[in-house]
Amino acid sequence: MARTSLHSPTGLGGWYRRLRRLVLARRRLIAALAAGAATAIALQAAAAPPPATIPVLTAAHDLPAGTALGRGDLRTVGFAPASVPDGVVDAAQAVGRITVGPVRAGEPITDARLLDAPLLAGYPGLVAVPVRIGDPGAVALLRVGDRVDVLAADPQRRSPAPVLAADARILAIPEDRRSSALPGPYSGGLVVLAVPEQTARVLAGSEPSAILSVVIRS
C-alpha cells in the first residue's frame, strides 16, 4: 500500500504550505478587516449616550456660616437624578442670599441652607450672623423678631459674662439637624441675628470655650 509523504503535494506538509501562501496573499485584506472591526467598536463606544445627569448648584469652595453668596462661590455640577436632594436652588435664587450654616465645597445649595434676603430688608446697615446658643431650651423660647442680648460665659473663668451683642434682633431660627448633645461649638441651638458688622466680628471671634446665652429684652 503506497504511503503519502508529508512533503508531497497531497500530504500534510503540502496542505500547510498552501494555507501559508493563502494567508500571506490575503494578509492585507485580513489586516484591513481587523482594523475596520476595531474602528467600528470604537465608534460604537463613542456613540453611546453618556449617563443622564441633572445640573445642580453647589458650593465652589468651603463657605463659612453667614456668607453672602456671590457667583464666584457657586458652581454647577451634574448629579445623577437619584442623588439630587430636595430643595435645590438655581443661581438666580442663591446669589445675594446668606448661608445659615457652614457649607462644604461640592455640597448642593438648597433652600434650607440659605437665609431669605428679605429678612434683612427692614434692618438697613445690619448684617445677619448665625450663632449657636449653648442651651437649646433657651432657643425653644425664642421667636423670630425677638430682641436679645448675647452673653459669653467661659466656664474656665469666674469673671462676669461679657455682653457680645446688645439689642440684637432674631431673624430666623433654622431647623437644626445636629444633635444638641454634641460637644464643643456644635452643641446647643442655632439662631440668626441682625447686628452691626462690628458686632458680628465680635461674635465670630468669641473664645471657642465660651458658652453663649441670651437675655430676652422687652
C-alpha atoms as a PDB file:
ATOM      1  CA  MET A   1       0.000   0.000   0.000  1.00  0.00           C
ATOM      2  CA  ALA A   2       1.535   3.342  -1.065  1.00  0.00           C
ATOM      3  CA  ARG A   3       2.154   5.946   1.641  1.00  0.00           C
ATOM      4  CA  THR A   4       1.633   9.646   1.149  1.00  0.00           C
ATOM      5  CA  SER A   5       4.741  11.653   2.061  1.00  0.00           C
ATOM      6  CA  LEU A   6       4.308  14.587   4.439  1.00  0.00           C
ATOM      7  CA  HIS A   7       6.252  16.655   1.972  1.00  0.00           C
ATOM      8  CA  SER A   8       4.279  15.560  -1.068  1.00  0.00           C
ATOM      9  CA  PRO A   9       1.808  17.991  -2.681  1.00  0.00           C
ATOM     10  CA  THR A  10      -1.041  15.895  -1.288  1.00  0.00           C
ATOM     11  CA  GLY A  11       0.429  15.398   2.194  1.00  0.00           C
ATOM     12  CA  LEU A  12       0.143  17.444   5.370  1.00  0.00           C
ATOM     13  CA  GLY A  13       3.189  19.471   4.526  1.00  0.00           C
ATOM     14  CA  GLY A  14       1.771  20.435   1.183  1.00  0.00           C
ATOM     15  CA  TRP A  15      -1.530  21.456   2.778  1.00  0.00           C
ATOM     16  CA  TYR A  16       0.316  23.660   5.302  1.00  0.00           C
ATOM     17  CA  ARG A  17       2.328  25.370   2.550  1.00  0.00           C
ATOM     18  CA  ARG A  18      -0.821  26.108   0.556  1.00  0.00           C
ATOM     19  CA  LEU A  19      -2.544  27.556   3.663  1.00  0.00           C
ATOM     20  CA  ARG A  20       0.506  29.696   4.445  1.00  0.00           C
ATOM     21  CA  ARG A  21       0.620  31.039   0.869  1.00  0.00           C
ATOM     22  CA  LEU A  22      -3.109  31.801   1.062  1.00  0.00           C
ATOM     23  CA  VAL A  23      -2.733  33.709   4.372  1.00  0.00           C
ATOM     24  CA  LEU A  24       0.293  35.649   3.081  1.00  0.00           C
ATOM     25  CA  ALA A  25      -1.558  36.532  -0.100  1.00  0.00           C
ATOM     26  CA  ARG A  26      -4.545  37.783   1.906  1.00  0.00           C
ATOM     27  CA  ARG A  27      -2.662  39.408   4.808  1.00  0.00           C
ATOM     28  CA  ARG A  28      -3.502  42.950   3.731  1.00  0.00           C
ATOM     29  CA  LEU A  29      -7.176  42.072   3.467  1.00  0.00           C
ATOM     30  CA  ILE A  30      -7.135  40.394   6.898  1.00  0.00           C
ATOM     31  CA  ALA A  31      -5.339  43.396   8.460  1.00  0.00           C
ATOM     32  CA  ALA A  32      -7.833  45.780   6.881  1.00  0.00           C
ATOM     33  CA  LEU A  33     -10.765  43.745   8.197  1.00  0.00           C
ATOM     34  CA  ALA A  34      -9.273  43.695  11.700  1.00  0.00           C
ATOM     35  CA  ALA A  35      -8.661  47.453  11.635  1.00  0.00           C
ATOM     36  CA  GLY A  36     -12.190  48.060  10.408  1.00  0.00           C
ATOM     37  CA  ALA A  37     -13.655  45.926  13.177  1.00  0.00           C
ATOM     38  CA  ALA A  38     -11.616  47.829  15.809  1.00  0.00           C
ATOM     39  CA  THR A  39     -12.760  51.162  14.364  1.00  0.00           C
ATOM     40  CA  ALA A  40     -16.394  50.066  14.378  1.00  0.00           C
ATOM     41  CA  ILE A  41     -16.157  49.007  18.027  1.00  0.00           C
ATOM     42  CA  ALA A  42     -14.538  52.338  18.975  1.00  0.00           C
ATOM     43  CA  LEU A  43     -17.196  54.329  17.113  1.00  0.00           C
ATOM     44  CA  GLN A  44     -19.975  52.375  18.775  1.00  0.00           C
ATOM     45  CA  ALA A  45     -18.490  53.082  22.239  1.00  0.00           C
ATOM     46  CA  ALA A  46     -18.085  56.763  21.427  1.00  0.00           C
ATOM     47  CA  ALA A  47     -21.640  56.999  20.165  1.00  0.00           C
ATOM     48  CA  ALA A  48     -23.103  55.536  23.362  1.00  0.00           C
ATOM     49  CA  PRO A  49     -25.044  58.279  25.199  1.00  0.00           C
ATOM     50  CA  PRO A  50     -23.494  59.467  28.478  1.00  0.00           C
ATOM     51  CA  PRO A  51     -25.347  58.712  31.720  1.00  0.00           C
ATOM     52  CA  ALA A  52     -28.206  61.129  32.337  1.00  0.00           C
ATOM     53  CA  THR A  53     -27.402  63.902  34.819  1.00  0.00           C
ATOM     54  CA  ILE A  54     -29.202  66.923  36.264  1.00  0.00           C
ATOM     55  CA  PRO A  55     -27.357  70.247  36.750  1.00  0.00           C
ATOM     56  CA  VAL A  56     -27.179  71.096  40.465  1.00  0.00           C
ATOM     57  CA  LEU A  57     -25.842  74.288  42.024  1.00  0.00           C
ATOM     58  CA  THR A  58     -23.070  73.517  44.538  1.00  0.00           C
ATOM     59  CA  ALA A  59     -20.561  75.399  46.676  1.00  0.00           C
ATOM     60  CA  ALA A  60     -17.386  76.124  44.698  1.00  0.00           C
ATOM     61  CA  HIS A  61     -15.362  76.100  47.935  1.00  0.00           C
ATOM     62  CA  ASP A  62     -15.905  75.851  51.692  1.00  0.00           C
ATOM     63  CA  LEU A  63     -18.320  78.585  52.827  1.00  0.00           C
ATOM     64  CA  PRO A  64     -18.492  79.744  56.446  1.00  0.00           C
ATOM     65  CA  ALA A  65     -21.809  80.485  58.094  1.00  0.00           C
ATOM     66  CA  GLY A  66     -23.114  83.968  57.320  1.00  0.00           C
ATOM     67  CA  THR A  67     -21.593  84.169  53.807  1.00  0.00           C
ATOM     68  CA  ALA A  68     -23.427  86.430  51.341  1.00  0.00           C
ATOM     69  CA  LEU A  69     -23.211  84.292  48.217  1.00  0.00           C
ATOM     70  CA  GLY A  70     -21.633  85.655  45.044  1.00  0.00           C
ATOM     71  CA  ARG A  71     -21.332  83.939  41.665  1.00  0.00           C
ATOM     72  CA  GLY A  72     -17.727  83.017  42.434  1.00  0.00           C
ATOM     73  CA  ASP A  73     -18.948  80.986  45.421  1.00  0.00           C
ATOM     74  CA  LEU A  74     -21.106  78.737  43.237  1.00  0.00           C
ATOM     75  CA  ARG A  75     -20.536  76.042  40.636  1.00  0.00           C
ATOM     76  CA  THR A  76     -22.941  73.857  38.653  1.00  0.00           C
ATOM     77  CA  VAL A  77     -22.216  70.116  38.699  1.00  0.00           C
ATOM     78  CA  GLY A  78     -24.050  67.228  37.035  1.00  0.00           C
ATOM     79  CA  PHE A  79     -25.695  64.865  39.546  1.00  0.00           C
ATOM     80  CA  ALA A  80     -27.315  61.509  38.920  1.00  0.00           C
ATOM     81  CA  PRO A  81     -31.097  62.006  39.184  1.00  0.00           C
ATOM     82  CA  ALA A  82     -31.393  59.739  42.224  1.00  0.00           C
ATOM     83  CA  SER A  83     -28.768  61.749  44.136  1.00  0.00           C
ATOM     84  CA  VAL A  84     -30.321  65.213  43.726  1.00  0.00           C
ATOM     85  CA  PRO A  85     -31.546  66.442  47.149  1.00  0.00           C
ATOM     86  CA  ASP A  86     -34.867  68.177  47.697  1.00  0.00           C
ATOM     87  CA  GLY A  87     -34.984  71.968  47.676  1.00  0.00           C
ATOM     88  CA  VAL A  88     -32.056  72.692  45.341  1.00  0.00           C
ATOM     89  CA  VAL A  89     -31.978  76.288  44.058  1.00  0.00           C
ATOM     90  CA  ASP A  90     -30.521  77.887  40.936  1.00  0.00           C
ATOM     91  CA  ALA A  91     -28.001  80.735  40.748  1.00  0.00           C
ATOM     92  CA  ALA A  92     -30.689  83.399  40.392  1.00  0.00           C
ATOM     93  CA  GLN A  93     -32.241  82.238  43.666  1.00  0.00           C
ATOM     94  CA  ALA A  94     -28.935  81.874  45.525  1.00  0.00           C
ATOM     95  CA  VAL A  95     -26.805  84.915  44.657  1.00  0.00           C
ATOM     96  CA  GLY A  96     -27.049  87.560  47.381  1.00  0.00           C
ATOM     97  CA  ARG A  97     -28.563  85.246  49.970  1.00  0.00           C
ATOM     98  CA  ILE A  98     -26.779  84.291  53.187  1.00  0.00           C
ATOM     99  CA  THR A  99     -25.732  80.842  54.359  1.00  0.00           C
ATOM    100  CA  VAL A 100     -27.371  79.799  57.616  1.00  0.00           C
ATOM    101  CA  GLY A 101     -24.517  77.420  58.491  1.00  0.00           C
ATOM    102  CA  PRO A 102     -21.181  76.232  57.058  1.00  0.00           C
ATOM    103  CA  VAL A 103     -21.323  74.672  53.587  1.00  0.00           C
ATOM    104  CA  ARG A 104     -18.639  72.310  52.332  1.00  0.00           C
ATOM    105  CA  ALA A 105     -17.140  72.529  48.839  1.00  0.00           C
ATOM    106  CA  GLY A 106     -19.234  70.477  46.425  1.00  0.00           C
ATOM    107  CA  GLU A 107     -22.292  70.444  48.698  1.00  0.00           C
ATOM    108  CA  PRO A 108     -25.575  71.166  46.880  1.00  0.00           C
ATOM    109  CA  ILE A 109     -27.112  74.553  47.695  1.00  0.00           C
ATOM    110  CA  THR A 110     -30.650  74.037  48.966  1.00  0.00           C
ATOM    111  CA  ASP A 111     -33.255  76.410  50.337  1.00  0.00           C
ATOM    112  CA  ALA A 112     -32.669  75.010  53.835  1.00  0.00           C
ATOM    113  CA  ARG A 113     -29.054  76.265  53.735  1.00  0.00           C
ATOM    114  CA  LEU A 114     -29.956  79.876  52.940  1.00  0.00           C
ATOM    115  CA  LEU A 115     -31.429  82.784  54.804  1.00  0.00           C
ATOM    116  CA  ASP A 116     -34.030  84.721  52.833  1.00  0.00           C
ATOM    117  CA  ALA A 117     -32.617  88.096  51.817  1.00  0.00           C
ATOM    118  CA  PRO A 118     -35.903  89.943  52.536  1.00  0.00           C
ATOM    119  CA  LEU A 119     -35.397  89.292  56.257  1.00  0.00           C
ATOM    120  CA  LEU A 120     -32.701  91.993  56.261  1.00  0.00           C
ATOM    121  CA  ALA A 121     -34.768  94.454  54.239  1.00  0.00           C
ATOM    122  CA  GLY A 122     -36.125  96.083  57.392  1.00  0.00           C
ATOM    123  CA  TYR A 123     -32.696  96.360  59.021  1.00  0.00           C
ATOM    124  CA  PRO A 124     -30.569  98.753  56.956  1.00  0.00           C
ATOM    125  CA  GLY A 125     -26.922  98.848  57.947  1.00  0.00           C
ATOM    126  CA  LEU A 126     -27.072  95.498  59.732  1.00  0.00           C
ATOM    127  CA  VAL A 127     -25.751  92.074  58.748  1.00  0.00           C
ATOM    128  CA  ALA A 128     -27.064  88.611  59.500  1.00  0.00           C
ATOM    129  CA  VAL A 129     -24.912  86.320  61.618  1.00  0.00           C
ATOM    130  CA  PRO A 130     -25.697  82.784  62.823  1.00  0.00           C
ATOM    131  CA  VAL A 131     -24.727  81.989  66.414  1.00  0.00           C
ATOM    132  CA  ARG A 132     -25.095  78.838  68.447  1.00  0.00           C
ATOM    133  CA  ILE A 133     -26.662  79.319  71.882  1.00  0.00           C
ATOM    134  CA  GLY A 134     -25.463  76.836  74.486  1.00  0.00           C
ATOM    135  CA  ASP A 135     -28.868  75.972  75.932  1.00  0.00           C
ATOM    136  CA  PRO A 136     -31.286  74.540  73.323  1.00  0.00           C
ATOM    137  CA  GLY A 137     -34.092  75.001  75.854  1.00  0.00           C
ATOM    138  CA  ALA A 138     -33.497  78.755  75.778  1.00  0.00           C
ATOM    139  CA  VAL A 139     -33.624  78.726  71.988  1.00  0.00           C
ATOM    140  CA  ALA A 140     -37.012  76.994  72.165  1.00  0.00           C
ATOM    141  CA  LEU A 141     -38.346  80.081  73.972  1.00  0.00           C
ATOM    142  CA  LEU A 142     -37.254  82.466  71.216  1.00  0.00           C
ATOM    143  CA  ARG A 143     -39.393  83.729  68.359  1.00  0.00           C
ATOM    144  CA  VAL A 144     -38.471  85.497  65.143  1.00  0.00           C
ATOM    145  CA  GLY A 145     -38.478  89.243  65.824  1.00  0.00           C
ATOM    146  CA  ASP A 146     -37.427  88.955  69.495  1.00  0.00           C
ATOM    147  CA  ARG A 147     -34.733  91.336  70.741  1.00  0.00           C
ATOM    148  CA  VAL A 148     -31.956  89.715  72.758  1.00  0.00           C
ATOM    149  CA  ASP A 149     -28.604  90.364  74.354  1.00  0.00           C
ATOM    150  CA  VAL A 150     -25.944  87.704  73.743  1.00  0.00           C
ATOM    151  CA  LEU A 151     -23.578  86.905  76.607  1.00  0.00           C
ATOM    152  CA  ALA A 152     -20.471  84.714  76.595  1.00  0.00           C
ATOM    153  CA  ALA A 153     -19.847  82.683  79.764  1.00  0.00           C
ATOM    154  CA  ASP A 154     -16.469  80.983  79.961  1.00  0.00           C
ATOM    155  CA  PRO A 155     -16.568  78.011  82.374  1.00  0.00           C
ATOM    156  CA  GLN A 156     -12.794  78.273  82.714  1.00  0.00           C
ATOM    157  CA  ARG A 157     -13.082  81.737  84.223  1.00  0.00           C
ATOM    158  CA  ARG A 158     -15.024  83.165  87.159  1.00  0.00           C
ATOM    159  CA  SER A 159     -15.370  86.683  85.775  1.00  0.00           C
ATOM    160  CA  PRO A 160     -18.833  88.039  84.820  1.00  0.00           C
ATOM    161  CA  ALA A 161     -20.047  87.057  81.371  1.00  0.00           C
ATOM    162  CA  PRO A 162     -19.404  89.891  78.893  1.00  0.00           C
ATOM    163  CA  VAL A 163     -22.143  91.102  76.560  1.00  0.00           C
ATOM    164  CA  LEU A 164     -21.091  90.354  72.983  1.00  0.00           C
ATOM    165  CA  ALA A 165     -24.226  91.718  71.298  1.00  0.00           C
ATOM    166  CA  ALA A 166     -26.827  94.088  72.711  1.00  0.00           C
ATOM    167  CA  ASP A 167     -30.369  94.500  71.396  1.00  0.00           C
ATOM    168  CA  ALA A 168     -29.876  92.025  68.552  1.00  0.00           C
ATOM    169  CA  ARG A 169     -32.940  91.055  66.545  1.00  0.00           C
ATOM    170  CA  ILE A 170     -33.801  87.390  65.894  1.00  0.00           C
ATOM    171  CA  LEU A 171     -34.067  86.968  62.121  1.00  0.00           C
ATOM    172  CA  ALA A 172     -34.505  83.214  61.926  1.00  0.00           C
ATOM    173  CA  ILE A 173     -34.355  80.056  63.997  1.00  0.00           C
ATOM    174  CA  PRO A 174     -33.281  77.403  61.469  1.00  0.00           C
ATOM    175  CA  GLU A 175     -34.250  73.797  61.876  1.00  0.00           C
ATOM    176  CA  ASP A 176     -31.099  72.317  63.398  1.00  0.00           C
ATOM    177  CA  ARG A 177     -30.480  68.709  62.356  1.00  0.00           C
ATOM    178  CA  ARG A 178     -27.373  68.345  64.503  1.00  0.00           C
ATOM    179  CA  SER A 179     -27.784  66.688  67.867  1.00  0.00           C
ATOM    180  CA  SER A 180     -27.873  69.187  70.706  1.00  0.00           C
ATOM    181  CA  ALA A 181     -25.844  66.661  72.686  1.00  0.00           C
ATOM    182  CA  LEU A 182     -22.747  67.131  70.524  1.00  0.00           C
ATOM    183  CA  PRO A 183     -19.843  68.577  72.488  1.00  0.00           C
ATOM    184  CA  GLY A 184     -17.955  71.769  71.688  1.00  0.00           C
ATOM    185  CA  PRO A 185     -19.059  74.611  69.383  1.00  0.00           C
ATOM    186  CA  TYR A 186     -21.745  72.455  67.715  1.00  0.00           C
ATOM    187  CA  SER A 187     -23.800  71.956  70.863  1.00  0.00           C
ATOM    188  CA  GLY A 188     -26.887  73.995  71.681  1.00  0.00           C
ATOM    189  CA  GLY A 189     -29.309  75.645  69.258  1.00  0.00           C
ATOM    190  CA  LEU A 190     -28.744  77.850  66.219  1.00  0.00           C
ATOM    191  CA  VAL A 191     -30.246  81.330  65.747  1.00  0.00           C
ATOM    192  CA  VAL A 192     -29.637  84.042  63.154  1.00  0.00           C
ATOM    193  CA  LEU A 193     -29.251  87.601  64.443  1.00  0.00           C
ATOM    194  CA  ALA A 194     -29.335  91.039  62.820  1.00  0.00           C
ATOM    195  CA  VAL A 195     -26.409  93.007  64.245  1.00  0.00           C
ATOM    196  CA  PRO A 196     -23.953  95.728  63.189  1.00  0.00           C
ATOM    197  CA  GLU A 197     -20.980  94.420  61.242  1.00  0.00           C
ATOM    198  CA  GLN A 198     -18.565  95.143  64.093  1.00  0.00           C
ATOM    199  CA  THR A 199     -20.747  93.136  66.481  1.00  0.00           C
ATOM    200  CA  ALA A 200     -20.769  90.258  64.006  1.00  0.00           C
ATOM    201  CA  ARG A 201     -16.966  90.235  64.128  1.00  0.00           C
ATOM    202  CA  VAL A 202     -17.052  90.155  67.933  1.00  0.00           C
ATOM    203  CA  LEU A 203     -19.433  87.196  67.888  1.00  0.00           C
ATOM    204  CA  ALA A 204     -17.328  85.354  65.317  1.00  0.00           C
ATOM    205  CA  GLY A 205     -14.187  85.954  67.365  1.00  0.00           C
ATOM    206  CA  SER A 206     -15.571  84.758  70.689  1.00  0.00           C
ATOM    207  CA  GLU A 207     -13.474  82.236  72.616  1.00  0.00           C
ATOM    208  CA  PRO A 208     -14.036  78.623  71.499  1.00  0.00           C
ATOM    209  CA  SER A 209     -14.571  77.620  75.118  1.00  0.00           C
ATOM    210  CA  ALA A 210     -17.239  80.282  75.656  1.00  0.00           C
ATOM    211  CA  ILE A 211     -20.873  79.201  76.045  1.00  0.00           C
ATOM    212  CA  LEU A 212     -23.240  81.744  74.531  1.00  0.00           C
ATOM    213  CA  SER A 213     -26.515  82.560  76.229  1.00  0.00           C
ATOM    214  CA  VAL A 214     -29.310  85.046  75.561  1.00  0.00           C
ATOM    215  CA  VAL A 215     -31.279  87.558  77.602  1.00  0.00           C
ATOM    216  CA  ILE A 216     -34.655  88.375  76.070  1.00  0.00           C
ATOM    217  CA  ARG A 217     -35.393  92.096  76.053  1.00  0.00           C
ATOM    218  CA  SER A 218     -38.853  93.618  76.208  1.00  0.00           C
END
